[in-house]
Amino acid sequence: MGNTAFTVILLLLSIVLVGVLLLQVRGNAGQVFGQAESTFRSRRGVERLLFRATIVIATIFVVVAIVNTRLTDG
């Protein structure tokens, strides 16, 4: 039962993580195709929120994956 719960959590986290990453790429569409400028630009507003959310979701994903692996092996 616990293993199934962790698998479902991993699935949901992966979907959310892909969604957040796609939102970031969509916001920087001009830079993806080689038009990136060499000037420094700070993240503001929604862009900063998406950046931090990506870090948090990815960290949670890795932790849940490790716990899931430990429970499966043990």
PDB file of N, CA and C in Angstrom:
ATOM      1  N   MET A   1       0.827  -1.204   0.000  1.00  0.00           N
ATOM      2  CA  MET A   1       0.000   0.000   0.000  1.00  0.00           C
ATOM      3  C   MET A   1       0.865   1.259   0.000  1.00  0.00           C
ATOM      4  N   GLY A   2       1.885   1.296   0.858  1.00  0.00           N
ATOM      5  CA  GLY A   2       2.752   2.468   0.942  1.00  0.00           C
ATOM      6  C   GLY A   2       3.543   2.700  -0.331  1.00  0.00           C
ATOM      7  N   ASN A   3       3.961   1.610  -0.970  1.00  0.00           N
ATOM      8  CA  ASN A   3       4.713   1.726  -2.207  1.00  0.00           C
ATOM      9  C   ASN A   3       3.853   2.331  -3.307  1.00  0.00           C
ATOM     10  N   THR A   4       2.584   1.951  -3.349  1.00  0.00           N
ATOM     11  CA  THR A   4       1.666   2.509  -4.350  1.00  0.00           C
ATOM     12  C   THR A   4       1.459   3.999  -4.120  1.00  0.00           C
ATOM     13  N   ALA A   5       1.362   4.399  -2.865  1.00  0.00           N
ATOM     14  CA  ALA A   5       1.178   5.817  -2.545  1.00  0.00           C
ATOM     15  C   ALA A   5       2.381   6.637  -3.017  1.00  0.00           C
ATOM     16  N   PHE A   6       3.580   6.119  -2.766  1.00  0.00           N
ATOM     17  CA  PHE A   6       4.779   6.832  -3.208  1.00  0.00           C
ATOM     18  C   PHE A   6       4.857   6.893  -4.734  1.00  0.00           C
ATOM     19  N   THR A   7       4.419   5.847  -5.397  1.00  0.00           N
ATOM     20  CA  THR A   7       4.419   5.837  -6.861  1.00  0.00           C
ATOM     21  C   THR A   7       3.460   6.884  -7.411  1.00  0.00           C
ATOM     22  N   VAL A   8       2.295   7.004  -6.805  1.00  0.00           N
ATOM     23  CA  VAL A   8       1.312   8.011  -7.233  1.00  0.00           C
ATOM     24  C   VAL A   8       1.845   9.415  -6.966  1.00  0.00           C
ATOM     25  N   ILE A   9       2.475   9.598  -5.810  1.00  0.00           N
ATOM     26  CA  ILE A   9       3.066  10.910  -5.491  1.00  0.00           C
ATOM     27  C   ILE A   9       4.151  11.260  -6.498  1.00  0.00           C
ATOM     28  N   LEU A  10       4.994  10.291  -6.846  1.00  0.00           N
ATOM     29  CA  LEU A  10       6.047  10.533  -7.843  1.00  0.00           C
ATOM     30  C   LEU A  10       5.454  10.900  -9.196  1.00  0.00           C
ATOM     31  N   LEU A  11       4.396  10.229  -9.576  1.00  0.00           N
ATOM     32  CA  LEU A  11       3.736  10.521 -10.848  1.00  0.00           C
ATOM     33  C   LEU A  11       3.182  11.940 -10.863  1.00  0.00           C
ATOM     34  N   LEU A  12       2.499  12.319  -9.797  1.00  0.00           N
ATOM     35  CA  LEU A  12       1.933  13.670  -9.724  1.00  0.00           C
ATOM     36  C   LEU A  12       3.032  14.736  -9.695  1.00  0.00           C
ATOM     37  N   LEU A  13       4.087  14.487  -8.925  1.00  0.00           N
ATOM     38  CA  LEU A  13       5.200  15.441  -8.873  1.00  0.00           C
ATOM     39  C   LEU A  13       5.879  15.591 -10.227  1.00  0.00           C
ATOM     40  N   SER A  14       6.018  14.492 -10.947  1.00  0.00           N
ATOM     41  CA  SER A  14       6.660  14.580 -12.260  1.00  0.00           C
ATOM     42  C   SER A  14       5.810  15.382 -13.234  1.00  0.00           C
ATOM     43  N   ILE A  15       4.499  15.226 -13.187  1.00  0.00           N
ATOM     44  CA  ILE A  15       3.611  15.998 -14.057  1.00  0.00           C
ATOM     45  C   ILE A  15       3.685  17.482 -13.718  1.00  0.00           C
ATOM     46  N   VAL A  16       3.671  17.799 -12.428  1.00  0.00           N
ATOM     47  CA  VAL A  16       3.757  19.199 -12.004  1.00  0.00           C
ATOM     48  C   VAL A  16       5.110  19.792 -12.389  1.00  0.00           C
ATOM     49  N   LEU A  17       6.179  19.022 -12.209  1.00  0.00           N
ATOM     50  CA  LEU A  17       7.516  19.512 -12.549  1.00  0.00           C
ATOM     51  C   LEU A  17       7.648  19.792 -14.042  1.00  0.00           C
ATOM     52  N   VAL A  18       7.140  18.907 -14.867  1.00  0.00           N
ATOM     53  CA  VAL A  18       7.174  19.133 -16.316  1.00  0.00           C
ATOM     54  C   VAL A  18       6.370  20.372 -16.671  1.00  0.00           C
ATOM     55  N   GLY A  19       5.216  20.543 -16.044  1.00  0.00           N
ATOM     56  CA  GLY A  19       4.397  21.725 -16.305  1.00  0.00           C
ATOM     57  C   GLY A  19       5.100  23.021 -15.946  1.00  0.00           C
ATOM     58  N   VAL A  20       5.747  23.038 -14.782  1.00  0.00           N
ATOM     59  CA  VAL A  20       6.472  24.242 -14.353  1.00  0.00           C
ATOM     60  C   VAL A  20       7.634  24.529 -15.290  1.00  0.00           C
ATOM     61  N   LEU A  21       8.340  23.483 -15.707  1.00  0.00           N
ATOM     62  CA  LEU A  21       9.449  23.675 -16.643  1.00  0.00           C
ATOM     63  C   LEU A  21       8.964  24.196 -17.991  1.00  0.00           C
ATOM     64  N   LEU A  22       7.833  23.677 -18.465  1.00  0.00           N
ATOM     65  CA  LEU A  22       7.298  24.163 -19.738  1.00  0.00           C
ATOM     66  C   LEU A  22       6.846  25.617 -19.645  1.00  0.00           C
ATOM     67  N   LEU A  23       6.322  26.020 -18.500  1.00  0.00           N
ATOM     68  CA  LEU A  23       5.948  27.415 -18.319  1.00  0.00           C
ATOM     69  C   LEU A  23       7.176  28.317 -18.345  1.00  0.00           C
ATOM     70  N   GLN A  24       8.291  27.853 -17.804  1.00  0.00           N
ATOM     71  CA  GLN A  24       9.524  28.641 -17.836  1.00  0.00           C
ATOM     72  C   GLN A  24      10.044  28.783 -19.253  1.00  0.00           C
ATOM     73  N   VAL A  25      10.039  27.714 -20.008  1.00  0.00           N
ATOM     74  CA  VAL A  25      10.527  27.762 -21.388  1.00  0.00           C
ATOM     75  C   VAL A  25       9.627  28.639 -22.230  1.00  0.00           C
ATOM     76  N   ARG A  26       8.333  28.572 -22.002  1.00  0.00           N
ATOM     77  CA  ARG A  26       7.386  29.388 -22.757  1.00  0.00           C
ATOM     78  C   ARG A  26       7.630  30.875 -22.515  1.00  0.00           C
ATOM     79  N   GLY A  27       8.003  31.226 -21.300  1.00  0.00           N
ATOM     80  CA  GLY A  27       8.275  32.625 -20.983  1.00  0.00           C
ATOM     81  C   GLY A  27       9.554  33.134 -21.601  1.00  0.00           C
ATOM     82  N   ASN A  28      10.482  32.245 -21.929  1.00  0.00           N
ATOM     83  CA  ASN A  28      11.771  32.621 -22.507  1.00  0.00           C
ATOM     84  C   ASN A  28      11.903  32.099 -23.928  1.00  0.00           C
ATOM     85  N   ALA A  29      10.844  32.111 -24.699  1.00  0.00           N
ATOM     86  CA  ALA A  29      10.839  31.510 -26.033  1.00  0.00           C
ATOM     87  C   ALA A  29      11.889  32.127 -26.959  1.00  0.00           C
ATOM     88  N   GLY A  30      12.122  33.417 -26.862  1.00  0.00           N
ATOM     89  CA  GLY A  30      13.102  34.050 -27.729  1.00  0.00           C
ATOM     90  C   GLY A  30      14.511  33.590 -27.437  1.00  0.00           C
ATOM     91  N   GLN A  31      14.798  33.278 -26.193  1.00  0.00           N
ATOM     92  CA  GLN A  31      16.136  32.857 -25.816  1.00  0.00           C
ATOM     93  C   GLN A  31      16.395  31.404 -26.167  1.00  0.00           C
ATOM     94  N   VAL A  32      15.363  30.618 -26.304  1.00  0.00           N
ATOM     95  CA  VAL A  32      15.540  29.199 -26.608  1.00  0.00           C
ATOM     96  C   VAL A  32      16.112  29.019 -28.017  1.00  0.00           C
ATOM     97  N   PHE A  33      15.747  29.873 -28.933  1.00  0.00           N
ATOM     98  CA  PHE A  33      16.139  29.707 -30.330  1.00  0.00           C
ATOM     99  C   PHE A  33      17.360  30.536 -30.704  1.00  0.00           C
ATOM    100  N   GLY A  34      18.237  30.804 -29.750  1.00  0.00           N
ATOM    101  CA  GLY A  34      19.513  31.410 -30.057  1.00  0.00           C
ATOM    102  C   GLY A  34      19.562  32.923 -30.012  1.00  0.00           C
ATOM    103  N   GLN A  35      18.552  33.554 -29.494  1.00  0.00           N
ATOM    104  CA  GLN A  35      18.544  35.013 -29.423  1.00  0.00           C
ATOM    105  C   GLN A  35      18.882  35.510 -28.022  1.00  0.00           C
ATOM    106  N   ALA A  36      19.547  34.685 -27.252  1.00  0.00           N
ATOM    107  CA  ALA A  36      19.888  35.058 -25.880  1.00  0.00           C
ATOM    108  C   ALA A  36      20.882  36.216 -25.890  1.00  0.00           C
ATOM    109  N   GLU A  37      20.637  37.161 -25.038  1.00  0.00           N
ATOM    110  CA  GLU A  37      21.539  38.298 -24.921  1.00  0.00           C
ATOM    111  C   GLU A  37      22.538  38.010 -23.816  1.00  0.00           C
ATOM    112  N   SER A  38      23.664  38.658 -23.870  1.00  0.00           N
ATOM    113  CA  SER A  38      24.690  38.419 -22.864  1.00  0.00           C
ATOM    114  C   SER A  38      24.562  39.382 -21.677  1.00  0.00           C
ATOM    115  N   THR A  39      23.472  40.085 -21.554  1.00  0.00           N
ATOM    116  CA  THR A  39      23.277  41.000 -20.439  1.00  0.00           C
ATOM    117  C   THR A  39      22.661  40.257 -19.269  1.00  0.00           C
ATOM    118  N   PHE A  40      23.001  40.710 -18.062  1.00  0.00           N
ATOM    119  CA  PHE A  40      22.456  40.093 -16.853  1.00  0.00           C
ATOM    120  C   PHE A  40      21.062  40.642 -16.607  1.00  0.00           C
ATOM    121  N   ARG A  41      20.164  39.744 -16.253  1.00  0.00           N
ATOM    122  CA  ARG A  41      18.787  40.142 -15.992  1.00  0.00           C
ATOM    123  C   ARG A  41      18.307  39.385 -14.764  1.00  0.00           C
ATOM    124  N   SER A  42      17.740  40.100 -13.807  1.00  0.00           N
ATOM    125  CA  SER A  42      17.263  39.431 -12.595  1.00  0.00           C
ATOM    126  C   SER A  42      15.841  38.931 -12.794  1.00  0.00           C
ATOM    127  N   ARG A  43      15.521  37.868 -12.082  1.00  0.00           N
ATOM    128  CA  ARG A  43      14.172  37.303 -12.159  1.00  0.00           C
ATOM    129  C   ARG A  43      13.245  38.120 -11.276  1.00  0.00           C
ATOM    130  N   ARG A  44      12.039  38.363 -11.776  1.00  0.00           N
ATOM    131  CA  ARG A  44      11.062  39.130 -11.009  1.00  0.00           C
ATOM    132  C   ARG A  44       9.692  38.497 -11.147  1.00  0.00           C
ATOM    133  N   GLY A  45       8.892  38.658 -10.132  1.00  0.00           N
ATOM    134  CA  GLY A  45       7.497  38.254 -10.178  1.00  0.00           C
ATOM    135  C   GLY A  45       7.283  36.770 -10.412  1.00  0.00           C
ATOM    136  N   VAL A  46       6.490  36.472 -11.435  1.00  0.00           N
ATOM    137  CA  VAL A  46       6.110  35.096 -11.739  1.00  0.00           C
ATOM    138  C   VAL A  46       7.323  34.276 -12.139  1.00  0.00           C
ATOM    139  N   GLU A  47       8.260  34.880 -12.841  1.00  0.00           N
ATOM    140  CA  GLU A  47       9.467  34.160 -13.264  1.00  0.00           C
ATOM    141  C   GLU A  47      10.257  33.668 -12.050  1.00  0.00           C
ATOM    142  N   ARG A  48      10.376  34.501 -11.035  1.00  0.00           N
ATOM    143  CA  ARG A  48      11.073  34.107  -9.809  1.00  0.00           C
ATOM    144  C   ARG A  48      10.305  33.003  -9.092  1.00  0.00           C
ATOM    145  N   LEU A  49       8.981  33.127  -9.054  1.00  0.00           N
ATOM    146  CA  LEU A  49       8.140  32.113  -8.417  1.00  0.00           C
ATOM    147  C   LEU A  49       8.296  30.761  -9.114  1.00  0.00           C
ATOM    148  N   LEU A  50       8.282  30.753 -10.446  1.00  0.00           N
ATOM    149  CA  LEU A  50       8.451  29.508 -11.188  1.00  0.00           C
ATOM    150  C   LEU A  50       9.842  28.907 -10.962  1.00  0.00           C
ATOM    151  N   PHE A  51      10.850  29.751 -10.902  1.00  0.00           N
ATOM    152  CA  PHE A  51      12.217  29.279 -10.678  1.00  0.00           C
ATOM    153  C   PHE A  51      12.342  28.607  -9.317  1.00  0.00           C
ATOM    154  N   ARG A  52      11.818  29.255  -8.295  1.00  0.00           N
ATOM    155  CA  ARG A  52      11.893  28.683  -6.944  1.00  0.00           C
ATOM    156  C   ARG A  52      11.006  27.449  -6.814  1.00  0.00           C
ATOM    157  N   ALA A  53       9.845  27.462  -7.457  1.00  0.00           N
ATOM    158  CA  ALA A  53       8.958  26.300  -7.417  1.00  0.00           C
ATOM    159  C   ALA A  53       9.621  25.097  -8.074  1.00  0.00           C
ATOM    160  N   THR A  54      10.359  25.327  -9.143  1.00  0.00           N
ATOM    161  CA  THR A  54      11.072  24.238  -9.814  1.00  0.00           C
ATOM    162  C   THR A  54      12.083  23.599  -8.882  1.00  0.00           C
ATOM    163  N   ILE A  55      12.820  24.409  -8.158  1.00  0.00           N
ATOM    164  CA  ILE A  55      13.819  23.891  -7.224  1.00  0.00           C
ATOM    165  C   ILE A  55      13.151  23.082  -6.115  1.00  0.00           C
ATOM    166  N   VAL A  56      12.082  23.619  -5.548  1.00  0.00           N
ATOM    167  CA  VAL A  56      11.390  22.940  -4.454  1.00  0.00           C
ATOM    168  C   VAL A  56      10.771  21.630  -4.930  1.00  0.00           C
ATOM    169  N   ILE A  57      10.083  21.654  -6.059  1.00  0.00           N
ATOM    170  CA  ILE A  57       9.418  20.449  -6.572  1.00  0.00           C
ATOM    171  C   ILE A  57      10.453  19.391  -6.947  1.00  0.00           C
ATOM    172  N   ALA A  58      11.552  19.798  -7.561  1.00  0.00           N
ATOM    173  CA  ALA A  58      12.600  18.837  -7.932  1.00  0.00           C
ATOM    174  C   ALA A  58      13.226  18.208  -6.688  1.00  0.00           C
ATOM    175  N   THR A  59      13.442  18.993  -5.652  1.00  0.00           N
ATOM    176  CA  THR A  59      14.000  18.468  -4.405  1.00  0.00           C
ATOM    177  C   THR A  59      13.046  17.466  -3.763  1.00  0.00           C
ATOM    178  N   ILE A  60      11.768  17.817  -3.707  1.00  0.00           N
ATOM    179  CA  ILE A  60      10.769  16.900  -3.144  1.00  0.00           C
ATOM    180  C   ILE A  60      10.701  15.626  -3.974  1.00  0.00           C
ATOM    181  N   PHE A  61      10.771  15.753  -5.286  1.00  0.00           N
ATOM    182  CA  PHE A  61      10.737  14.595  -6.173  1.00  0.00           C
ATOM    183  C   PHE A  61      11.896  13.642  -5.876  1.00  0.00           C
ATOM    184  N   VAL A  62      13.098  14.187  -5.731  1.00  0.00           N
ATOM    185  CA  VAL A  62      14.278  13.359  -5.463  1.00  0.00           C
ATOM    186  C   VAL A  62      14.144  12.668  -4.105  1.00  0.00           C
ATOM    187  N   VAL A  63      13.688  13.389  -3.099  1.00  0.00           N
ATOM    188  CA  VAL A  63      13.533  12.801  -1.764  1.00  0.00           C
ATOM    189  C   VAL A  63      12.504  11.670  -1.787  1.00  0.00           C
ATOM    190  N   VAL A  64      11.366  11.896  -2.424  1.00  0.00           N
ATOM    191  CA  VAL A  64      10.335  10.863  -2.502  1.00  0.00           C
ATOM    192  C   VAL A  64      10.839   9.663  -3.297  1.00  0.00           C
ATOM    193  N   ALA A  65      11.601   9.901  -4.360  1.00  0.00           N
ATOM    194  CA  ALA A  65      12.150   8.795  -5.151  1.00  0.00           C
ATOM    195  C   ALA A  65      13.123   7.963  -4.323  1.00  0.00           C
ATOM    196  N   ILE A  66      13.953   8.617  -3.519  1.00  0.00           N
ATOM    197  CA  ILE A  66      14.896   7.888  -2.666  1.00  0.00           C
ATOM    198  C   ILE A  66      14.145   7.077  -1.618  1.00  0.00           C
ATOM    199  N   VAL A  67      13.142   7.674  -0.982  1.00  0.00           N
ATOM    200  CA  VAL A  67      12.356   6.954   0.020  1.00  0.00           C
ATOM    201  C   VAL A  67      11.636   5.771  -0.617  1.00  0.00           C
ATOM    202  N   ASN A  68      11.082   5.984  -1.801  1.00  0.00           N
ATOM    203  CA  ASN A  68      10.391   4.913  -2.512  1.00  0.00           C
ATOM    204  C   ASN A  68      11.348   3.764  -2.814  1.00  0.00           C
ATOM    205  N   THR A  69      12.552   4.084  -3.239  1.00  0.00           N
ATOM    206  CA  THR A  69      13.547   3.054  -3.538  1.00  0.00           C
ATOM    207  C   THR A  69      13.955   2.300  -2.268  1.00  0.00           C
ATOM    208  N   ARG A  70      14.139   3.013  -1.184  1.00  0.00           N
ATOM    209  CA  ARG A  70      14.524   2.368   0.090  1.00  0.00           C
ATOM    210  C   ARG A  70      13.434   1.427   0.573  1.00  0.00           C
ATOM    211  N   LEU A  71      12.173   1.835   0.435  1.00  0.00           N
ATOM    212  CA  LEU A  71      11.065   0.992   0.886  1.00  0.00           C
ATOM    213  C   LEU A  71      10.887  -0.232  -0.019  1.00  0.00           C
ATOM    214  N   THR A  72      11.148  -0.064  -1.294  1.00  0.00           N
ATOM    215  CA  THR A  72      11.017  -1.180  -2.233  1.00  0.00           C
ATOM    216  C   THR A  72      12.097  -2.214  -2.005  1.00  0.00           C
ATOM    217  N   ASP A  73      13.337  -1.768  -1.769  1.00  0.00           N
ATOM    218  CA  ASP A  73      14.448  -2.690  -1.559  1.00  0.00           C
ATOM    219  C   ASP A  73      14.373  -3.376  -0.201  1.00  0.00           C
ATOM    220  N   GLY A  74      13.845  -2.670   0.795  1.00  0.00           N
ATOM    221  CA  GLY A  74      13.848  -3.194   2.158  1.00  0.00           C
ATOM    222  C   GLY A  74      12.680  -4.006   2.423  1.00  0.00           C
TER     223      GLY A  74
END
